[in-house]
PDB file of all heavy atoms in Angstrom:
ATOM      1  N   SER A   1     -21.762   4.700   3.430  1.00  0.00           N
ATOM      2  CA  SER A   1     -20.826   3.603   3.213  1.00  0.00           C
ATOM      3  C   SER A   1     -20.178   3.687   1.836  1.00  0.00           C
ATOM      4  O   SER A   1     -18.962   3.479   1.697  1.00  0.00           O
ATOM      5  CB  SER A   1     -21.544   2.265   3.363  1.00  0.00           C
ATOM      6  OG  SER A   1     -20.700   1.190   3.022  1.00  0.00           O
ATOM      7  N   GLU A   2     -20.965   4.016   0.812  1.00  0.00           N
ATOM      8  CA  GLU A   2     -20.419   4.118  -0.544  1.00  0.00           C
ATOM      9  C   GLU A   2     -19.377   5.219  -0.642  1.00  0.00           C
ATOM     10  O   GLU A   2     -18.324   5.048  -1.268  1.00  0.00           O
ATOM     11  CB  GLU A   2     -21.552   4.367  -1.544  1.00  0.00           C
ATOM     12  CG  GLU A   2     -22.436   3.162  -1.781  1.00  0.00           C
ATOM     13  CD  GLU A   2     -21.658   1.994  -2.367  1.00  0.00           C
ATOM     14  OE1 GLU A   2     -21.024   2.171  -3.424  1.00  0.00           O
ATOM     15  OE2 GLU A   2     -21.671   0.910  -1.756  1.00  0.00           O
ATOM     16  N   ARG A   3     -19.652   6.357  -0.014  1.00  0.00           N
ATOM     17  CA  ARG A   3     -18.689   7.458  -0.055  1.00  0.00           C
ATOM     18  C   ARG A   3     -17.405   7.066   0.683  1.00  0.00           C
ATOM     19  O   ARG A   3     -16.291   7.349   0.212  1.00  0.00           O
ATOM     20  CB  ARG A   3     -19.294   8.718   0.599  1.00  0.00           C
ATOM     21  CG  ARG A   3     -20.475   9.313  -0.115  1.00  0.00           C
ATOM     22  CD  ARG A   3     -20.163   9.638  -1.585  1.00  0.00           C
ATOM     23  NE  ARG A   3     -18.917  10.359  -1.730  1.00  0.00           N
ATOM     24  CZ  ARG A   3     -17.967  10.048  -2.630  1.00  0.00           C
ATOM     25  NH1 ARG A   3     -18.141   9.033  -3.460  1.00  0.00           N
ATOM     26  NH2 ARG A   3     -16.859  10.755  -2.698  1.00  0.00           N
ATOM     27  N   TYR A   4     -17.556   6.429   1.814  1.00  0.00           N
ATOM     28  CA  TYR A   4     -16.378   6.008   2.580  1.00  0.00           C
ATOM     29  C   TYR A   4     -15.539   5.015   1.778  1.00  0.00           C
ATOM     30  O   TYR A   4     -14.307   5.134   1.719  1.00  0.00           O
ATOM     31  CB  TYR A   4     -16.805   5.400   3.901  1.00  0.00           C
ATOM     32  CG  TYR A   4     -15.660   4.769   4.663  1.00  0.00           C
ATOM     33  CD1 TYR A   4     -14.730   5.565   5.341  1.00  0.00           C
ATOM     34  CD2 TYR A   4     -15.490   3.390   4.694  1.00  0.00           C
ATOM     35  CE1 TYR A   4     -13.670   4.999   6.024  1.00  0.00           C
ATOM     36  CE2 TYR A   4     -14.430   2.813   5.376  1.00  0.00           C
ATOM     37  CZ  TYR A   4     -13.522   3.619   6.037  1.00  0.00           C
ATOM     38  OH  TYR A   4     -12.463   3.043   6.711  1.00  0.00           O
ATOM     39  N   LEU A   5     -16.177   4.029   1.164  1.00  0.00           N
ATOM     40  CA  LEU A   5     -15.424   3.024   0.409  1.00  0.00           C
ATOM     41  C   LEU A   5     -14.697   3.642  -0.774  1.00  0.00           C
ATOM     42  O   LEU A   5     -13.564   3.263  -1.087  1.00  0.00           O
ATOM     43  CB  LEU A   5     -16.372   1.916  -0.061  1.00  0.00           C
ATOM     44  CG  LEU A   5     -16.945   1.019   1.038  1.00  0.00           C
ATOM     45  CD1 LEU A   5     -17.961   0.050   0.456  1.00  0.00           C
ATOM     46  CD2 LEU A   5     -15.846   0.263   1.765  1.00  0.00           C
ATOM     47  N   ASP A   6     -15.325   4.602  -1.437  1.00  0.00           N
ATOM     48  CA  ASP A   6     -14.646   5.300  -2.534  1.00  0.00           C
ATOM     49  C   ASP A   6     -13.404   6.028  -2.024  1.00  0.00           C
ATOM     50  O   ASP A   6     -12.338   5.987  -2.651  1.00  0.00           O
ATOM     51  CB  ASP A   6     -15.593   6.301  -3.194  1.00  0.00           C
ATOM     52  CG  ASP A   6     -16.603   5.629  -4.116  1.00  0.00           C
ATOM     53  OD1 ASP A   6     -16.372   4.466  -4.490  1.00  0.00           O
ATOM     54  OD2 ASP A   6     -17.619   6.275  -4.448  1.00  0.00           O
ATOM     55  N   ASN A   7     -13.548   6.709  -0.897  1.00  0.00           N
ATOM     56  CA  ASN A   7     -12.408   7.441  -0.347  1.00  0.00           C
ATOM     57  C   ASN A   7     -11.309   6.495   0.127  1.00  0.00           C
ATOM     58  O   ASN A   7     -10.118   6.747  -0.092  1.00  0.00           O
ATOM     59  CB  ASN A   7     -12.875   8.332   0.807  1.00  0.00           C
ATOM     60  CG  ASN A   7     -13.717   9.496   0.334  1.00  0.00           C
ATOM     61  OD1 ASN A   7     -13.495  10.041  -0.741  1.00  0.00           O
ATOM     62  ND2 ASN A   7     -14.707   9.882   1.128  1.00  0.00           N
ATOM     63  N   LEU A   8     -11.700   5.407   0.773  1.00  0.00           N
ATOM     64  CA  LEU A   8     -10.721   4.455   1.268  1.00  0.00           C
ATOM     65  C   LEU A   8      -9.974   3.774   0.128  1.00  0.00           C
ATOM     66  O   LEU A   8      -8.769   3.505   0.229  1.00  0.00           O
ATOM     67  CB  LEU A   8     -11.414   3.408   2.143  1.00  0.00           C
ATOM     68  CG  LEU A   8     -10.514   2.380   2.841  1.00  0.00           C
ATOM     69  CD1 LEU A   8      -9.567   3.067   3.830  1.00  0.00           C
ATOM     70  CD2 LEU A   8     -11.367   1.338   3.564  1.00  0.00           C
ATOM     71  N   ALA A   9     -10.671   3.507  -0.960  1.00  0.00           N
ATOM     72  CA  ALA A   9     -10.058   2.808  -2.089  1.00  0.00           C
ATOM     73  C   ALA A   9      -8.930   3.609  -2.723  1.00  0.00           C
ATOM     74  O   ALA A   9      -8.072   3.043  -3.410  1.00  0.00           O
ATOM     75  CB  ALA A   9     -11.117   2.482  -3.134  1.00  0.00           C
ATOM     76  N   HIS A  10      -8.916   4.905  -2.501  1.00  0.00           N
ATOM     77  CA  HIS A  10      -7.877   5.745  -3.105  1.00  0.00           C
ATOM     78  C   HIS A  10      -6.813   6.167  -2.086  1.00  0.00           C
ATOM     79  O   HIS A  10      -6.010   7.061  -2.364  1.00  0.00           O
ATOM     80  CB  HIS A  10      -8.514   6.967  -3.757  1.00  0.00           C
ATOM     81  CG  HIS A  10      -9.308   6.629  -4.984  1.00  0.00           C
ATOM     82  ND1 HIS A  10     -10.633   6.243  -4.927  1.00  0.00           N
ATOM     83  CD2 HIS A  10      -8.952   6.562  -6.284  1.00  0.00           C
ATOM     84  CE1 HIS A  10     -11.064   5.979  -6.149  1.00  0.00           C
ATOM     85  NE2 HIS A  10     -10.073   6.165  -6.981  1.00  0.00           N
ATOM     86  N   ALA A  11      -6.788   5.494  -0.953  1.00  0.00           N
ATOM     87  CA  ALA A  11      -5.772   5.778   0.069  1.00  0.00           C
ATOM     88  C   ALA A  11      -4.782   4.627   0.083  1.00  0.00           C
ATOM     89  O   ALA A  11      -5.066   3.559   0.619  1.00  0.00           O
ATOM     90  CB  ALA A  11      -6.435   5.946   1.433  1.00  0.00           C
ATOM     91  N   SER A  12      -3.635   4.816  -0.543  1.00  0.00           N
ATOM     92  CA  SER A  12      -2.675   3.729  -0.737  1.00  0.00           C
ATOM     93  C   SER A  12      -1.359   3.957  -0.002  1.00  0.00           C
ATOM     94  O   SER A  12      -0.307   3.475  -0.425  1.00  0.00           O
ATOM     95  CB  SER A  12      -2.394   3.547  -2.238  1.00  0.00           C
ATOM     96  OG  SER A  12      -3.562   3.212  -2.938  1.00  0.00           O
ATOM     97  N   GLU A  13      -1.405   4.696   1.107  1.00  0.00           N
ATOM     98  CA  GLU A  13      -0.188   4.945   1.858  1.00  0.00           C
ATOM     99  C   GLU A  13       0.397   3.627   2.376  1.00  0.00           C
ATOM    100  O   GLU A  13      -0.327   2.729   2.804  1.00  0.00           O
ATOM    101  CB  GLU A  13      -0.452   5.871   3.041  1.00  0.00           C
ATOM    102  CG  GLU A  13      -0.915   7.269   2.654  1.00  0.00           C
ATOM    103  CD  GLU A  13      -2.417   7.387   2.506  1.00  0.00           C
ATOM    104  OE1 GLU A  13      -3.089   6.326   2.461  1.00  0.00           O
ATOM    105  OE2 GLU A  13      -2.910   8.518   2.429  1.00  0.00           O
ATOM    106  N   LEU A  14       1.727   3.519   2.332  1.00  0.00           N
ATOM    107  CA  LEU A  14       2.406   2.300   2.741  1.00  0.00           C
ATOM    108  C   LEU A  14       3.012   2.446   4.128  1.00  0.00           C
ATOM    109  O   LEU A  14       3.343   3.556   4.568  1.00  0.00           O
ATOM    110  CB  LEU A  14       3.521   1.954   1.752  1.00  0.00           C
ATOM    111  CG  LEU A  14       3.102   1.711   0.308  1.00  0.00           C
ATOM    112  CD1 LEU A  14       4.334   1.453  -0.553  1.00  0.00           C
ATOM    113  CD2 LEU A  14       2.121   0.551   0.204  1.00  0.00           C
ATOM    114  N   VAL A  15       3.158   1.322   4.800  1.00  0.00           N
ATOM    115  CA  VAL A  15       3.933   1.282   6.031  1.00  0.00           C
ATOM    116  C   VAL A  15       5.393   1.587   5.696  1.00  0.00           C
ATOM    117  O   VAL A  15       5.901   1.179   4.650  1.00  0.00           O
ATOM    118  CB  VAL A  15       3.808  -0.103   6.699  1.00  0.00           C
ATOM    119  CG1 VAL A  15       4.768  -0.246   7.871  1.00  0.00           C
ATOM    120  CG2 VAL A  15       2.370  -0.337   7.158  1.00  0.00           C
ATOM    121  N   ASP A  16       6.064   2.297   6.570  1.00  0.00           N
ATOM    122  CA  ASP A  16       7.460   2.657   6.335  1.00  0.00           C
ATOM    123  C   ASP A  16       8.299   1.400   6.104  1.00  0.00           C
ATOM    124  O   ASP A  16       8.288   0.479   6.911  1.00  0.00           O
ATOM    125  CB  ASP A  16       7.997   3.425   7.549  1.00  0.00           C
ATOM    126  CG  ASP A  16       9.410   3.934   7.326  1.00  0.00           C
ATOM    127  OD1 ASP A  16       9.709   4.393   6.206  1.00  0.00           O
ATOM    128  OD2 ASP A  16      10.229   3.847   8.262  1.00  0.00           O
ATOM    129  N   GLY A  17       9.003   1.383   4.996  1.00  0.00           N
ATOM    130  CA  GLY A  17       9.878   0.267   4.682  1.00  0.00           C
ATOM    131  C   GLY A  17       9.271  -0.794   3.797  1.00  0.00           C
ATOM    132  O   GLY A  17       9.968  -1.731   3.379  1.00  0.00           O
ATOM    133  N   ALA A  18       7.972  -0.698   3.471  1.00  0.00           N
ATOM    134  CA  ALA A  18       7.307  -1.750   2.701  1.00  0.00           C
ATOM    135  C   ALA A  18       7.879  -1.871   1.288  1.00  0.00           C
ATOM    136  O   ALA A  18       8.174  -2.977   0.813  1.00  0.00           O
ATOM    137  CB  ALA A  18       5.808  -1.486   2.645  1.00  0.00           C
ATOM    138  N   GLU A  19       8.022  -0.753   0.619  1.00  0.00           N
ATOM    139  CA  GLU A  19       8.525  -0.792  -0.754  1.00  0.00           C
ATOM    140  C   GLU A  19       9.961  -1.308  -0.791  1.00  0.00           C
ATOM    141  O   GLU A  19      10.328  -2.142  -1.632  1.00  0.00           O
ATOM    142  CB  GLU A  19       8.440   0.603  -1.377  1.00  0.00           C
ATOM    143  CG  GLU A  19       8.740   0.633  -2.859  1.00  0.00           C
ATOM    144  CD  GLU A  19       8.493   2.006  -3.467  1.00  0.00           C
ATOM    145  OE1 GLU A  19       8.106   2.931  -2.720  1.00  0.00           O
ATOM    146  OE2 GLU A  19       8.682   2.138  -4.686  1.00  0.00           O
ATOM    147  N   ASP A  20      10.775  -0.864   0.142  1.00  0.00           N
ATOM    148  CA  ASP A  20      12.167  -1.305   0.209  1.00  0.00           C
ATOM    149  C   ASP A  20      12.256  -2.803   0.499  1.00  0.00           C
ATOM    150  O   ASP A  20      13.090  -3.512  -0.065  1.00  0.00           O
ATOM    151  CB  ASP A  20      12.905  -0.510   1.293  1.00  0.00           C
ATOM    152  CG  ASP A  20      14.366  -0.895   1.386  1.00  0.00           C
ATOM    153  OD1 ASP A  20      15.077  -0.832   0.369  1.00  0.00           O
ATOM    154  OD2 ASP A  20      14.810  -1.282   2.485  1.00  0.00           O
ATOM    155  N   LEU A  21      11.386  -3.301   1.379  1.00  0.00           N
ATOM    156  CA  LEU A  21      11.367  -4.720   1.719  1.00  0.00           C
ATOM    157  C   LEU A  21      11.101  -5.573   0.484  1.00  0.00           C
ATOM    158  O   LEU A  21      11.828  -6.538   0.203  1.00  0.00           O
ATOM    159  CB  LEU A  21      10.293  -4.980   2.778  1.00  0.00           C
ATOM    160  CG  LEU A  21       9.933  -6.437   3.049  1.00  0.00           C
ATOM    161  CD1 LEU A  21      11.117  -7.204   3.611  1.00  0.00           C
ATOM    162  CD2 LEU A  21       8.734  -6.521   4.003  1.00  0.00           C
ATOM    163  N   LEU A  22      10.067  -5.239  -0.263  1.00  0.00           N
ATOM    164  CA  LEU A  22       9.730  -6.045  -1.428  1.00  0.00           C
ATOM    165  C   LEU A  22      10.781  -5.928  -2.520  1.00  0.00           C
ATOM    166  O   LEU A  22      11.085  -6.910  -3.213  1.00  0.00           O
ATOM    167  CB  LEU A  22       8.350  -5.669  -1.958  1.00  0.00           C
ATOM    168  CG  LEU A  22       7.189  -6.502  -1.399  1.00  0.00           C
ATOM    169  CD1 LEU A  22       7.088  -6.375   0.119  1.00  0.00           C
ATOM    170  CD2 LEU A  22       5.868  -6.144  -2.060  1.00  0.00           C
ATOM    171  N   ARG A  23      11.354  -4.770  -2.668  1.00  0.00           N
ATOM    172  CA  ARG A  23      12.405  -4.596  -3.661  1.00  0.00           C
ATOM    173  C   ARG A  23      13.622  -5.456  -3.314  1.00  0.00           C
ATOM    174  O   ARG A  23      14.200  -6.133  -4.182  1.00  0.00           O
ATOM    175  CB  ARG A  23      12.820  -3.126  -3.747  1.00  0.00           C
ATOM    176  CG  ARG A  23      13.822  -2.849  -4.869  1.00  0.00           C
ATOM    177  CD  ARG A  23      14.331  -1.427  -4.826  1.00  0.00           C
ATOM    178  NE  ARG A  23      13.254  -0.452  -4.909  1.00  0.00           N
ATOM    179  CZ  ARG A  23      12.915   0.372  -3.923  1.00  0.00           C
ATOM    180  NH1 ARG A  23      13.564   0.321  -2.755  1.00  0.00           N
ATOM    181  NH2 ARG A  23      11.950   1.239  -4.075  1.00  0.00           N
ATOM    182  N   ALA A  24      13.990  -5.456  -2.028  1.00  0.00           N
ATOM    183  CA  ALA A  24      15.173  -6.206  -1.605  1.00  0.00           C
ATOM    184  C   ALA A  24      14.970  -7.712  -1.726  1.00  0.00           C
ATOM    185  O   ALA A  24      15.919  -8.461  -1.973  1.00  0.00           O
ATOM    186  CB  ALA A  24      15.527  -5.842  -0.166  1.00  0.00           C
ATOM    187  N   CYS A  25      13.729  -8.166  -1.539  1.00  0.00           N
ATOM    188  CA  CYS A  25      13.439  -9.609  -1.531  1.00  0.00           C
ATOM    189  C   CYS A  25      13.020 -10.147  -2.892  1.00  0.00           C
ATOM    190  O   CYS A  25      12.844 -11.367  -3.041  1.00  0.00           O
ATOM    191  CB  CYS A  25      12.344  -9.907  -0.518  1.00  0.00           C
ATOM    192  SG  CYS A  25      12.809  -9.645   1.212  1.00  0.00           S
ATOM    193  N   ALA A  26      12.862  -9.274  -3.874  1.00  0.00           N
ATOM    194  CA  ALA A  26      12.258  -9.680  -5.139  1.00  0.00           C
ATOM    195  C   ALA A  26      13.055 -10.754  -5.865  1.00  0.00           C
ATOM    196  O   ALA A  26      12.481 -11.603  -6.548  1.00  0.00           O
ATOM    197  CB  ALA A  26      12.070  -8.468  -6.033  1.00  0.00           C
ATOM    198  N   GLY A  27      14.343 -10.757  -5.728  1.00  0.00           N
ATOM    199  CA  GLY A  27      15.137 -11.743  -6.457  1.00  0.00           C
ATOM    200  C   GLY A  27      15.161 -13.114  -5.826  1.00  0.00           C
ATOM    201  O   GLY A  27      15.526 -14.096  -6.483  1.00  0.00           O
ATOM    202  N   ALA A  28      14.758 -13.208  -4.565  1.00  0.00           N
ATOM    203  CA  ALA A  28      14.894 -14.470  -3.830  1.00  0.00           C
ATOM    204  C   ALA A  28      13.574 -15.159  -3.540  1.00  0.00           C
ATOM    205  O   ALA A  28      13.565 -16.363  -3.245  1.00  0.00           O
ATOM    206  CB  ALA A  28      15.630 -14.211  -2.512  1.00  0.00           C
TER     207      ALA A  28
END
């Protein structure tokens, strides 16, 4: 479990469009 959690904690892949969504909405 400890090894899995360490590996999972460093997996930060985003859903397609997530970064663009937050960038576009940041001003509103």
